[in-house]
N, C-alpha and C. Protein backbone atom coordinates (compact mmCIF):
# COMPACT_ATOMS: atom_id res chain seq x y z
N UNK A 1 -31.64 -35.16 46.54
CA UNK A 1 -32.04 -36.55 46.69
C UNK A 1 -31.80 -37.29 45.37
N UNK A 2 -31.23 -38.47 45.46
CA UNK A 2 -30.97 -39.28 44.29
C UNK A 2 -32.19 -40.11 43.93
N UNK A 3 -32.47 -40.18 42.65
CA UNK A 3 -33.54 -41.05 42.17
C UNK A 3 -32.89 -42.18 41.37
N UNK A 4 -33.09 -43.38 41.83
CA UNK A 4 -32.53 -44.53 41.15
C UNK A 4 -33.52 -45.05 40.12
N UNK A 5 -33.02 -45.43 38.96
CA UNK A 5 -33.85 -46.08 37.95
C UNK A 5 -33.94 -47.56 38.22
N UNK A 6 -32.89 -48.12 38.81
CA UNK A 6 -32.84 -49.56 38.98
C UNK A 6 -31.94 -49.89 40.17
N UNK A 7 -32.34 -50.91 40.92
CA UNK A 7 -31.51 -51.45 41.99
C UNK A 7 -31.31 -52.92 41.68
N UNK A 8 -30.08 -53.37 41.76
CA UNK A 8 -29.77 -54.77 41.52
C UNK A 8 -29.42 -55.41 42.85
N UNK A 9 -30.09 -56.52 43.15
CA UNK A 9 -29.78 -57.29 44.35
C UNK A 9 -29.09 -58.56 43.88
N UNK A 10 -27.87 -58.74 44.32
CA UNK A 10 -27.09 -59.90 43.89
C UNK A 10 -26.90 -60.80 45.10
N UNK A 11 -27.36 -62.04 44.99
CA UNK A 11 -27.23 -62.98 46.10
C UNK A 11 -26.18 -64.02 45.71
N UNK A 12 -24.95 -63.72 45.97
CA UNK A 12 -23.85 -64.59 45.59
C UNK A 12 -24.06 -65.99 46.14
N UNK A 13 -23.79 -66.97 45.30
CA UNK A 13 -23.83 -68.35 45.74
C UNK A 13 -25.21 -68.96 45.72
N UNK A 14 -25.45 -69.82 46.68
CA UNK A 14 -26.68 -70.60 46.70
C UNK A 14 -27.68 -69.99 47.68
N UNK A 15 -28.32 -68.93 47.25
CA UNK A 15 -29.34 -68.27 48.06
C UNK A 15 -30.71 -68.54 47.45
N UNK A 16 -31.71 -68.70 48.30
CA UNK A 16 -33.07 -68.89 47.84
C UNK A 16 -33.62 -67.53 47.42
N UNK A 17 -33.96 -67.34 46.14
CA UNK A 17 -34.43 -66.03 45.69
C UNK A 17 -35.88 -65.73 46.04
N UNK A 18 -36.65 -66.73 46.41
CA UNK A 18 -38.09 -66.52 46.62
C UNK A 18 -38.39 -65.58 47.79
N UNK A 19 -37.76 -65.70 48.96
CA UNK A 19 -38.08 -64.76 50.05
C UNK A 19 -37.82 -63.30 49.68
N UNK A 20 -36.74 -63.05 48.95
CA UNK A 20 -36.44 -61.67 48.55
C UNK A 20 -37.51 -61.17 47.58
N UNK A 21 -37.82 -61.97 46.58
CA UNK A 21 -38.83 -61.59 45.59
C UNK A 21 -40.19 -61.41 46.24
N UNK A 22 -40.56 -62.33 47.11
CA UNK A 22 -41.86 -62.25 47.79
C UNK A 22 -41.96 -60.97 48.62
N UNK A 23 -40.88 -60.63 49.31
CA UNK A 23 -40.89 -59.42 50.14
C UNK A 23 -41.14 -58.18 49.28
N UNK A 24 -40.47 -58.11 48.15
CA UNK A 24 -40.66 -56.95 47.26
C UNK A 24 -42.08 -56.92 46.72
N UNK A 25 -42.63 -58.09 46.38
CA UNK A 25 -43.97 -58.14 45.80
C UNK A 25 -45.08 -57.98 46.82
N UNK A 26 -44.84 -58.37 48.08
CA UNK A 26 -45.93 -58.42 49.05
C UNK A 26 -45.94 -57.29 50.08
N UNK A 27 -44.80 -56.71 50.36
CA UNK A 27 -44.74 -55.67 51.39
C UNK A 27 -45.37 -54.38 50.87
N UNK A 28 -46.39 -53.86 51.55
CA UNK A 28 -47.08 -52.66 51.05
C UNK A 28 -46.18 -51.43 50.93
N UNK A 29 -45.24 -51.26 51.83
CA UNK A 29 -44.35 -50.10 51.76
C UNK A 29 -43.40 -50.25 50.58
N UNK A 30 -42.80 -51.44 50.43
CA UNK A 30 -41.89 -51.66 49.32
C UNK A 30 -42.61 -51.57 47.97
N UNK A 31 -43.86 -52.00 47.92
CA UNK A 31 -44.64 -51.93 46.67
C UNK A 31 -44.76 -50.50 46.16
N UNK A 32 -44.76 -49.53 47.07
CA UNK A 32 -44.86 -48.13 46.67
C UNK A 32 -43.55 -47.57 46.13
N UNK A 33 -42.45 -48.25 46.37
CA UNK A 33 -41.15 -47.73 45.98
C UNK A 33 -40.41 -48.59 44.96
N UNK A 34 -40.75 -49.88 44.91
CA UNK A 34 -40.00 -50.80 44.06
C UNK A 34 -40.94 -51.73 43.31
N UNK A 35 -40.43 -52.31 42.25
CA UNK A 35 -41.10 -53.41 41.58
C UNK A 35 -40.04 -54.43 41.20
N UNK A 36 -40.44 -55.67 41.19
CA UNK A 36 -39.52 -56.73 40.82
C UNK A 36 -39.37 -56.71 39.32
N UNK A 37 -38.14 -56.55 38.85
CA UNK A 37 -37.91 -56.42 37.43
C UNK A 37 -37.56 -57.72 36.75
N UNK A 38 -36.55 -58.39 37.23
CA UNK A 38 -36.07 -59.58 36.55
C UNK A 38 -35.28 -60.42 37.55
N UNK A 39 -35.34 -61.72 37.37
CA UNK A 39 -34.50 -62.63 38.15
C UNK A 39 -33.59 -63.35 37.16
N UNK A 40 -32.30 -63.07 37.30
CA UNK A 40 -31.29 -63.63 36.41
C UNK A 40 -30.46 -64.61 37.23
N UNK A 41 -30.30 -65.82 36.71
CA UNK A 41 -29.51 -66.84 37.39
C UNK A 41 -28.37 -67.27 36.49
N UNK A 42 -27.17 -67.30 37.05
CA UNK A 42 -26.04 -67.83 36.29
C UNK A 42 -25.84 -69.29 36.67
N UNK A 43 -25.48 -70.09 35.68
CA UNK A 43 -25.24 -71.52 35.89
C UNK A 43 -23.86 -71.84 35.34
N UNK A 44 -23.01 -72.36 36.18
CA UNK A 44 -21.65 -72.75 35.83
C UNK A 44 -21.71 -74.07 35.07
N UNK A 45 -21.31 -74.07 33.81
CA UNK A 45 -21.38 -75.28 32.99
C UNK A 45 -20.45 -76.39 33.48
N UNK A 46 -19.35 -76.02 34.11
CA UNK A 46 -18.40 -77.02 34.61
C UNK A 46 -19.00 -77.78 35.79
N UNK A 47 -19.62 -77.08 36.69
CA UNK A 47 -20.12 -77.67 37.93
C UNK A 47 -21.64 -77.73 38.02
N UNK A 48 -22.33 -77.31 36.98
CA UNK A 48 -23.78 -77.16 37.04
C UNK A 48 -24.55 -78.40 37.41
N UNK A 49 -24.26 -79.53 36.78
CA UNK A 49 -25.01 -80.75 37.08
C UNK A 49 -24.80 -81.17 38.53
N UNK A 50 -23.57 -81.11 39.02
CA UNK A 50 -23.30 -81.49 40.41
C UNK A 50 -23.97 -80.53 41.38
N UNK A 51 -23.95 -79.25 41.06
CA UNK A 51 -24.59 -78.26 41.92
C UNK A 51 -26.09 -78.49 41.98
N UNK A 52 -26.71 -78.74 40.83
CA UNK A 52 -28.15 -79.01 40.81
C UNK A 52 -28.48 -80.29 41.58
N UNK A 53 -27.62 -81.29 41.51
CA UNK A 53 -27.86 -82.55 42.21
C UNK A 53 -27.67 -82.42 43.72
N UNK A 54 -26.78 -81.53 44.14
CA UNK A 54 -26.44 -81.46 45.56
C UNK A 54 -27.00 -80.31 46.36
N UNK A 55 -27.63 -79.36 45.68
CA UNK A 55 -28.08 -78.16 46.39
C UNK A 55 -29.48 -77.75 45.93
N UNK A 56 -30.50 -77.99 46.74
CA UNK A 56 -31.87 -77.63 46.36
C UNK A 56 -32.03 -76.15 46.02
N UNK A 57 -31.23 -75.28 46.64
CA UNK A 57 -31.33 -73.85 46.35
C UNK A 57 -31.03 -73.57 44.88
N UNK A 58 -30.09 -74.33 44.31
CA UNK A 58 -29.73 -74.09 42.91
C UNK A 58 -30.90 -74.44 41.99
N UNK A 59 -31.64 -75.46 42.34
CA UNK A 59 -32.82 -75.83 41.54
C UNK A 59 -33.85 -74.71 41.61
N UNK A 60 -34.04 -74.16 42.79
CA UNK A 60 -35.01 -73.07 42.95
C UNK A 60 -34.56 -71.84 42.17
N UNK A 61 -33.25 -71.54 42.20
CA UNK A 61 -32.74 -70.40 41.44
C UNK A 61 -33.04 -70.55 39.96
N UNK A 62 -32.83 -71.74 39.43
CA UNK A 62 -33.11 -71.98 38.01
C UNK A 62 -34.59 -71.92 37.74
N UNK A 63 -35.38 -72.52 38.61
CA UNK A 63 -36.83 -72.62 38.38
C UNK A 63 -37.52 -71.26 38.36
N UNK A 64 -37.06 -70.31 39.17
CA UNK A 64 -37.74 -69.02 39.24
C UNK A 64 -37.14 -67.95 38.33
N UNK A 65 -36.03 -68.25 37.70
CA UNK A 65 -35.36 -67.26 36.85
C UNK A 65 -36.17 -66.96 35.60
N UNK A 66 -36.06 -65.73 35.14
CA UNK A 66 -36.62 -65.45 33.82
C UNK A 66 -35.52 -65.20 32.80
N UNK A 67 -34.26 -65.36 33.22
CA UNK A 67 -33.10 -65.39 32.34
C UNK A 67 -32.09 -66.34 32.96
N UNK A 68 -31.55 -67.26 32.16
CA UNK A 68 -30.50 -68.16 32.62
C UNK A 68 -29.24 -67.88 31.81
N UNK A 69 -28.14 -67.60 32.52
CA UNK A 69 -26.87 -67.30 31.88
C UNK A 69 -25.95 -68.48 32.13
N UNK A 70 -25.52 -69.13 31.07
CA UNK A 70 -24.66 -70.29 31.16
C UNK A 70 -23.21 -69.83 31.03
N UNK A 71 -22.42 -70.07 32.08
CA UNK A 71 -21.03 -69.63 32.10
C UNK A 71 -20.08 -70.81 31.94
N UNK A 72 -18.84 -70.53 31.57
CA UNK A 72 -17.74 -71.50 31.45
C UNK A 72 -18.00 -72.59 30.42
N UNK A 73 -18.83 -72.32 29.43
CA UNK A 73 -19.12 -73.34 28.42
C UNK A 73 -17.88 -73.71 27.60
N UNK A 74 -16.95 -72.78 27.48
CA UNK A 74 -15.73 -73.05 26.71
C UNK A 74 -14.81 -74.05 27.41
N UNK A 75 -15.08 -74.34 28.67
CA UNK A 75 -14.25 -75.27 29.43
C UNK A 75 -14.83 -76.69 29.45
N UNK A 76 -15.96 -76.90 28.77
CA UNK A 76 -16.66 -78.19 28.80
C UNK A 76 -16.77 -78.81 27.42
N UNK A 77 -16.95 -80.10 27.42
CA UNK A 77 -17.30 -80.81 26.19
C UNK A 77 -18.71 -80.37 25.80
N UNK A 78 -18.99 -80.36 24.51
CA UNK A 78 -20.31 -79.93 24.06
C UNK A 78 -21.41 -80.85 24.59
N UNK A 79 -21.13 -82.13 24.76
CA UNK A 79 -22.14 -83.06 25.30
C UNK A 79 -22.51 -82.70 26.74
N UNK A 80 -21.54 -82.24 27.52
CA UNK A 80 -21.80 -81.82 28.90
C UNK A 80 -22.69 -80.59 28.91
N UNK A 81 -22.39 -79.64 28.04
CA UNK A 81 -23.19 -78.42 27.95
C UNK A 81 -24.61 -78.74 27.50
N UNK A 82 -24.75 -79.60 26.51
CA UNK A 82 -26.08 -79.95 26.01
C UNK A 82 -26.90 -80.69 27.06
N UNK A 83 -26.26 -81.56 27.84
CA UNK A 83 -26.97 -82.25 28.92
C UNK A 83 -27.44 -81.27 29.99
N UNK A 84 -26.60 -80.29 30.30
CA UNK A 84 -26.98 -79.28 31.28
C UNK A 84 -28.12 -78.43 30.75
N UNK A 85 -28.06 -78.03 29.50
CA UNK A 85 -29.15 -77.25 28.91
C UNK A 85 -30.46 -78.04 28.95
N UNK A 86 -30.40 -79.33 28.67
CA UNK A 86 -31.61 -80.16 28.74
C UNK A 86 -32.19 -80.18 30.16
N UNK A 87 -31.31 -80.28 31.15
CA UNK A 87 -31.75 -80.25 32.56
C UNK A 87 -32.37 -78.91 32.89
N UNK A 88 -31.74 -77.82 32.46
CA UNK A 88 -32.27 -76.48 32.72
C UNK A 88 -33.64 -76.31 32.07
N UNK A 89 -33.82 -76.85 30.88
CA UNK A 89 -35.11 -76.77 30.17
C UNK A 89 -36.19 -77.53 30.94
N UNK A 90 -35.83 -78.67 31.56
CA UNK A 90 -36.82 -79.41 32.36
C UNK A 90 -37.21 -78.62 33.61
N UNK A 91 -36.27 -77.90 34.18
CA UNK A 91 -36.54 -77.12 35.38
C UNK A 91 -37.27 -75.82 35.09
N UNK A 92 -36.97 -75.24 33.91
CA UNK A 92 -37.55 -73.94 33.58
C UNK A 92 -37.62 -73.85 32.05
N UNK A 93 -38.76 -74.19 31.50
CA UNK A 93 -38.92 -74.21 30.06
C UNK A 93 -39.13 -72.86 29.42
N UNK A 94 -39.35 -71.83 30.23
CA UNK A 94 -39.69 -70.53 29.62
C UNK A 94 -38.55 -69.52 29.61
N UNK A 95 -37.55 -69.70 30.46
CA UNK A 95 -36.46 -68.71 30.52
C UNK A 95 -35.47 -68.92 29.38
N UNK A 96 -35.13 -67.86 28.68
CA UNK A 96 -34.08 -67.98 27.66
C UNK A 96 -32.76 -68.38 28.32
N UNK A 97 -32.02 -69.24 27.66
CA UNK A 97 -30.69 -69.63 28.13
C UNK A 97 -29.67 -68.96 27.21
N UNK A 98 -28.82 -68.14 27.81
CA UNK A 98 -27.83 -67.38 27.05
C UNK A 98 -26.45 -67.80 27.51
N UNK A 99 -25.60 -68.12 26.57
CA UNK A 99 -24.22 -68.48 26.91
C UNK A 99 -23.40 -67.20 27.09
N UNK A 100 -22.76 -67.10 28.25
CA UNK A 100 -21.86 -65.97 28.49
C UNK A 100 -20.58 -66.23 27.72
N UNK A 101 -20.16 -65.27 26.95
CA UNK A 101 -18.96 -65.41 26.14
C UNK A 101 -18.04 -64.23 26.40
N UNK A 102 -16.81 -64.37 25.97
CA UNK A 102 -15.82 -63.31 26.16
C UNK A 102 -16.28 -61.99 25.55
N UNK A 103 -17.12 -62.07 24.52
CA UNK A 103 -17.59 -60.85 23.87
C UNK A 103 -18.60 -60.09 24.74
N UNK A 104 -19.07 -60.72 25.79
CA UNK A 104 -19.97 -60.04 26.71
C UNK A 104 -21.43 -60.35 26.46
N UNK A 105 -22.27 -59.83 27.35
CA UNK A 105 -23.71 -60.01 27.28
C UNK A 105 -24.39 -58.68 27.00
N UNK A 106 -25.50 -58.72 26.34
CA UNK A 106 -26.27 -57.53 26.04
C UNK A 106 -26.96 -57.05 27.32
N UNK A 107 -26.62 -55.88 27.82
CA UNK A 107 -27.24 -55.38 29.05
C UNK A 107 -28.77 -55.30 28.96
N UNK A 108 -29.28 -54.99 27.79
CA UNK A 108 -30.73 -54.91 27.61
C UNK A 108 -31.39 -56.26 27.88
N UNK A 109 -30.72 -57.34 27.51
CA UNK A 109 -31.25 -58.67 27.75
C UNK A 109 -31.27 -58.97 29.25
N UNK A 110 -30.29 -58.45 29.96
CA UNK A 110 -30.21 -58.71 31.40
C UNK A 110 -31.16 -57.85 32.22
N UNK A 111 -31.24 -56.57 31.90
CA UNK A 111 -32.03 -55.66 32.74
C UNK A 111 -33.03 -54.84 31.95
N UNK A 112 -33.37 -55.29 30.75
CA UNK A 112 -34.33 -54.57 29.91
C UNK A 112 -35.74 -54.66 30.45
N UNK A 113 -36.67 -54.97 29.59
CA UNK A 113 -38.07 -55.02 29.98
C UNK A 113 -38.28 -55.95 31.17
N UNK A 114 -39.02 -55.46 32.14
CA UNK A 114 -39.25 -56.20 33.37
C UNK A 114 -40.23 -57.35 33.18
N UNK A 115 -40.12 -58.33 34.08
CA UNK A 115 -41.08 -59.43 34.07
C UNK A 115 -42.47 -58.93 34.39
N UNK A 116 -42.58 -57.78 35.02
CA UNK A 116 -43.87 -57.19 35.34
C UNK A 116 -44.22 -56.08 34.36
N UNK A 117 -43.54 -56.06 33.23
CA UNK A 117 -43.76 -55.02 32.23
C UNK A 117 -45.11 -55.16 31.56
N UNK A 118 -45.38 -54.24 30.68
CA UNK A 118 -46.69 -54.15 30.02
C UNK A 118 -47.02 -55.41 29.23
N UNK A 119 -46.03 -56.05 28.64
CA UNK A 119 -46.30 -57.23 27.80
C UNK A 119 -46.65 -58.46 28.61
N UNK A 120 -46.06 -58.61 29.82
CA UNK A 120 -46.26 -59.85 30.57
C UNK A 120 -47.24 -59.71 31.71
N UNK A 121 -47.40 -58.53 32.28
CA UNK A 121 -48.28 -58.38 33.43
C UNK A 121 -47.68 -59.03 34.66
N UNK A 122 -48.45 -59.09 35.75
CA UNK A 122 -47.93 -59.64 36.99
C UNK A 122 -48.12 -61.14 37.09
N UNK A 123 -48.74 -61.76 36.12
CA UNK A 123 -49.01 -63.19 36.18
C UNK A 123 -47.78 -64.06 36.24
N UNK A 124 -46.71 -63.69 35.51
CA UNK A 124 -45.50 -64.50 35.51
C UNK A 124 -44.88 -64.58 36.90
N UNK A 125 -44.76 -63.45 37.58
CA UNK A 125 -44.18 -63.46 38.92
C UNK A 125 -45.06 -64.24 39.89
N UNK A 126 -46.35 -64.04 39.83
CA UNK A 126 -47.25 -64.75 40.73
C UNK A 126 -47.20 -66.25 40.50
N UNK A 127 -47.02 -66.67 39.25
CA UNK A 127 -46.99 -68.09 38.91
C UNK A 127 -45.84 -68.80 39.61
N UNK A 128 -44.63 -68.23 39.52
CA UNK A 128 -43.52 -68.94 40.14
C UNK A 128 -43.48 -68.78 41.64
N UNK A 129 -44.03 -67.69 42.18
CA UNK A 129 -44.07 -67.55 43.63
C UNK A 129 -45.00 -68.59 44.26
N UNK A 130 -46.00 -69.01 43.50
CA UNK A 130 -46.95 -70.01 44.00
C UNK A 130 -46.50 -71.43 43.72
N UNK A 131 -45.37 -71.61 43.07
CA UNK A 131 -44.90 -72.95 42.69
C UNK A 131 -44.66 -73.80 43.93
N UNK A 132 -45.00 -75.05 43.82
CA UNK A 132 -44.81 -76.01 44.89
C UNK A 132 -43.36 -76.47 44.90
N UNK A 133 -42.65 -76.20 45.99
CA UNK A 133 -41.24 -76.57 46.08
C UNK A 133 -41.01 -78.05 45.83
N UNK A 134 -41.90 -78.88 46.31
CA UNK A 134 -41.70 -80.34 46.12
C UNK A 134 -41.69 -80.70 44.67
N UNK A 135 -42.55 -80.09 43.86
CA UNK A 135 -42.58 -80.37 42.44
C UNK A 135 -41.30 -79.90 41.76
N UNK A 136 -40.80 -78.76 42.15
CA UNK A 136 -39.58 -78.23 41.55
C UNK A 136 -38.40 -79.15 41.84
N UNK A 137 -38.32 -79.63 43.08
CA UNK A 137 -37.17 -80.44 43.48
C UNK A 137 -37.20 -81.83 42.88
N UNK A 138 -38.34 -82.29 42.41
CA UNK A 138 -38.45 -83.61 41.81
C UNK A 138 -37.93 -83.66 40.37
N UNK A 139 -37.74 -82.52 39.73
CA UNK A 139 -37.34 -82.52 38.33
C UNK A 139 -35.91 -82.93 38.13
């Protein structure tokens, strides 16, 4: 029998992450086998503002993330990137924003200590699961 240390669920595109996270956190059977580790959201710097304006799912992805990865920054003017970062900060002031670069990303930053780890407890996950969608979408 294989024992996995980690399972990554990748929801390509504009998927609402809350139902998946809630299922892992609330289902009694899954609670015995899994824990929610981290929610990482990538944001395309070229299309990010338009995506946030046109797709409520993208706002939710940013709002619930505990890591935001900004991609394609080398293809944008610095003013565009800074405006997007300001928008991301309004939507989620606590998640670190990391620029993806050709040199790569630190895997420890992506999948290291869990949001439910010893330092943070379960409060962080419970906080965003209880967030009012209407408030998130107004930002």
